[in-house]
Amino acid sequence: MAVGATPASAQLPGQSVYEGRKNLREEARARAFEEVKPVLADWSDQISGRNQKRLDKLLMDAVMFSPLGLLAEGRPAVGDSLTGWLPRISGYHLTPLDFDASGNLAYVIGALRYDRIDADGVAKMIEAEWVMVLYLWGRSWKVRSYLERPGVGG
């Protein structure tokens, strides 16, 4: 056995066999989070700015449970959903609370806050929980699914 190695029987799942060396899984996870953070910021910025064309570029053939409680599956349906609810959202802000990634998939769970504007133009602050599943497509992370738990808080 090499000096500094941990016997296989004492090794925890995912733990490096070399003491003092970072776990490769944790390194990959940290790298994936650094790559996903700009996508989350862009998602939030584009919703706040009501930029549907830019949002479309962030999506794969997605499933979305929108802020207004509407379910859409596939790019055309998600696009129609965005057209319907995007003008009614302002001040959208995501806060990630949990993240994990494995291979080309990642998920983020968090809290969010935004103002939802009703038909009379009155804004109501909404606080909700959200889950986003992302897929690494080539060198870019794309939103595969976005789910929001309506009615939480606010």
Protein backbone atom coordinates (compact mmCIF):
# COMPACT_ATOMS: atom_id res chain seq x y z
CA MET A 1 0.00 0.00 0.00
CA ALA A 2 1.28 3.49 -0.88
CA VAL A 3 2.16 5.92 1.88
CA GLY A 4 -0.80 8.17 2.73
CA ALA A 5 -3.39 5.87 1.19
CA THR A 6 -6.54 4.92 3.08
CA PRO A 7 -7.32 1.19 3.19
CA ALA A 8 -10.28 0.38 0.93
CA SER A 9 -12.22 -1.09 3.85
CA ALA A 10 -12.10 2.29 5.68
CA GLN A 11 -13.07 4.37 2.65
CA LEU A 12 -16.47 6.07 2.56
CA PRO A 13 -18.40 6.13 -0.73
CA GLY A 14 -17.12 9.06 -2.80
CA GLN A 15 -14.15 9.70 -0.50
CA SER A 16 -10.69 10.07 -2.04
CA VAL A 17 -8.28 7.24 -1.33
CA TYR A 18 -5.54 9.83 -0.81
CA GLU A 19 -5.55 11.81 2.42
CA GLY A 20 -5.34 15.54 1.96
CA ARG A 21 -6.59 15.33 -1.63
CA LYS A 22 -9.95 16.89 -2.43
CA ASN A 23 -12.72 14.54 -3.40
CA LEU A 24 -12.97 14.57 -7.20
CA ARG A 25 -16.77 14.44 -7.00
CA GLU A 26 -16.84 17.58 -4.86
CA GLU A 27 -14.47 19.31 -7.28
CA ALA A 28 -16.74 18.44 -10.23
CA ARG A 29 -19.81 19.57 -8.27
CA ALA A 30 -18.17 22.89 -7.38
CA ARG A 31 -17.12 23.43 -11.01
CA ALA A 32 -20.66 22.65 -12.23
CA PHE A 33 -22.13 25.15 -9.74
CA GLU A 34 -19.76 27.85 -10.99
CA GLU A 35 -20.98 27.11 -14.53
CA VAL A 36 -24.68 27.08 -13.52
CA LYS A 37 -24.62 30.31 -11.45
CA PRO A 38 -24.52 32.57 -14.54
CA VAL A 39 -27.47 30.65 -16.03
CA LEU A 40 -29.49 31.27 -12.85
CA ALA A 41 -28.57 34.96 -12.88
CA ASP A 42 -29.43 35.22 -16.59
CA TRP A 43 -32.76 33.41 -16.02
CA SER A 44 -33.67 35.84 -13.23
CA ASP A 45 -32.52 38.90 -15.19
CA GLN A 46 -34.42 37.90 -18.33
CA ILE A 47 -37.64 37.24 -16.43
CA SER A 48 -37.32 40.59 -14.64
CA GLY A 49 -36.54 42.27 -17.98
CA ARG A 50 -39.33 40.34 -19.73
CA ASN A 51 -36.92 39.22 -22.43
CA GLN A 52 -38.63 36.15 -23.88
CA LYS A 53 -36.17 35.72 -26.77
CA ARG A 54 -33.24 35.40 -24.35
CA LEU A 55 -35.23 33.02 -22.13
CA ASP A 56 -35.96 30.84 -25.16
CA LYS A 57 -32.20 30.47 -25.66
CA LEU A 58 -31.78 29.20 -22.09
CA LEU A 59 -34.32 26.42 -22.58
CA MET A 60 -34.13 22.90 -23.94
CA ASP A 61 -37.29 21.02 -24.86
CA ALA A 62 -38.45 21.96 -21.39
CA VAL A 63 -41.22 21.30 -18.94
CA MET A 64 -42.31 24.35 -16.98
CA PHE A 65 -44.73 24.79 -14.14
CA SER A 66 -44.99 28.54 -14.38
CA PRO A 67 -45.39 31.20 -11.72
CA LEU A 68 -49.08 31.44 -12.55
CA GLY A 69 -49.61 27.73 -11.94
CA LEU A 70 -49.72 26.73 -15.62
CA LEU A 71 -48.04 23.54 -16.84
CA ALA A 72 -46.34 23.61 -20.24
CA GLU A 73 -44.38 20.83 -21.91
CA GLY A 74 -42.15 21.28 -24.95
CA ARG A 75 -40.63 24.43 -26.44
CA PRO A 76 -43.74 25.67 -28.29
CA ALA A 77 -45.98 25.30 -25.20
CA VAL A 78 -43.34 26.84 -22.92
CA GLY A 79 -43.02 29.76 -25.35
CA ASP A 80 -46.79 30.29 -25.28
CA SER A 81 -46.72 30.10 -21.47
CA LEU A 82 -43.93 32.70 -21.31
CA THR A 83 -45.94 34.99 -23.60
CA GLY A 84 -48.86 34.74 -21.19
CA TRP A 85 -47.20 35.19 -17.82
CA LEU A 86 -43.99 37.11 -18.48
CA PRO A 87 -45.74 40.53 -18.75
CA ARG A 88 -47.35 39.89 -15.34
CA ILE A 89 -44.08 39.31 -13.44
CA SER A 90 -41.71 41.95 -12.08
CA GLY A 91 -38.92 42.11 -9.53
CA TYR A 92 -38.13 38.40 -9.99
CA HIS A 93 -35.30 37.17 -7.76
CA LEU A 94 -34.02 33.61 -7.23
CA THR A 95 -32.07 32.41 -4.20
CA PRO A 96 -30.47 28.96 -4.60
CA LEU A 97 -30.57 26.86 -1.42
CA ASP A 98 -29.41 23.43 -2.61
CA PHE A 99 -27.46 22.21 -5.62
CA ASP A 100 -26.19 18.94 -6.96
CA ALA A 101 -24.79 17.74 -10.25
CA SER A 102 -23.77 14.46 -11.76
CA GLY A 103 -22.45 14.14 -15.28
CA ASN A 104 -24.52 16.34 -17.58
CA LEU A 105 -27.45 16.86 -15.17
CA ALA A 106 -27.79 19.37 -12.36
CA TYR A 107 -30.60 20.53 -10.12
CA VAL A 108 -31.07 23.62 -8.03
CA ILE A 109 -33.70 24.13 -5.34
CA GLY A 110 -34.37 27.49 -3.77
CA ALA A 111 -36.64 30.31 -2.77
CA LEU A 112 -37.83 33.17 -4.93
CA ARG A 113 -39.70 36.40 -4.72
CA TYR A 114 -41.46 38.45 -7.34
CA ASP A 115 -44.43 40.73 -7.88
CA ARG A 116 -47.34 39.25 -9.81
CA ILE A 117 -49.49 41.86 -11.50
CA ASP A 118 -53.20 41.02 -11.66
CA ALA A 119 -55.63 42.01 -14.42
CA ASP A 120 -56.36 45.32 -12.61
CA GLY A 121 -52.65 46.24 -12.56
CA VAL A 122 -52.27 45.60 -8.84
CA ALA A 123 -49.01 43.90 -7.84
CA LYS A 124 -48.95 41.19 -5.18
CA MET A 125 -45.63 40.02 -3.75
CA ILE A 126 -45.20 36.28 -4.14
CA GLU A 127 -42.72 34.15 -2.22
CA ALA A 128 -42.34 30.60 -3.47
CA GLU A 129 -40.12 27.55 -3.65
CA TRP A 130 -38.63 26.49 -6.99
CA VAL A 131 -36.74 23.61 -8.57
CA MET A 132 -34.75 23.84 -11.77
CA VAL A 133 -33.22 20.89 -13.61
CA LEU A 134 -30.44 21.76 -16.02
CA TYR A 135 -28.76 19.73 -18.75
CA LEU A 136 -25.25 20.30 -20.05
CA TRP A 137 -25.75 20.63 -23.81
CA GLY A 138 -22.30 20.85 -25.43
CA ARG A 139 -20.60 23.52 -23.32
CA SER A 140 -23.77 25.30 -22.18
CA TRP A 141 -26.14 24.50 -19.34
CA LYS A 142 -29.76 24.65 -20.50
CA VAL A 143 -32.94 24.68 -18.42
CA ARG A 144 -34.66 21.32 -18.79
CA SER A 145 -37.41 21.82 -16.21
CA TYR A 146 -38.55 24.66 -14.01
CA LEU A 147 -41.13 24.04 -11.33
CA GLU A 148 -42.52 26.55 -8.92
CA ARG A 149 -44.65 25.81 -5.90
CA PRO A 150 -47.39 28.45 -6.10
CA GLY A 151 -49.05 29.84 -3.03
CA VAL A 152 -46.05 29.53 -0.71
CA GLY A 153 -45.62 32.67 1.38
CA GLY A 154 -46.84 36.01 0.04
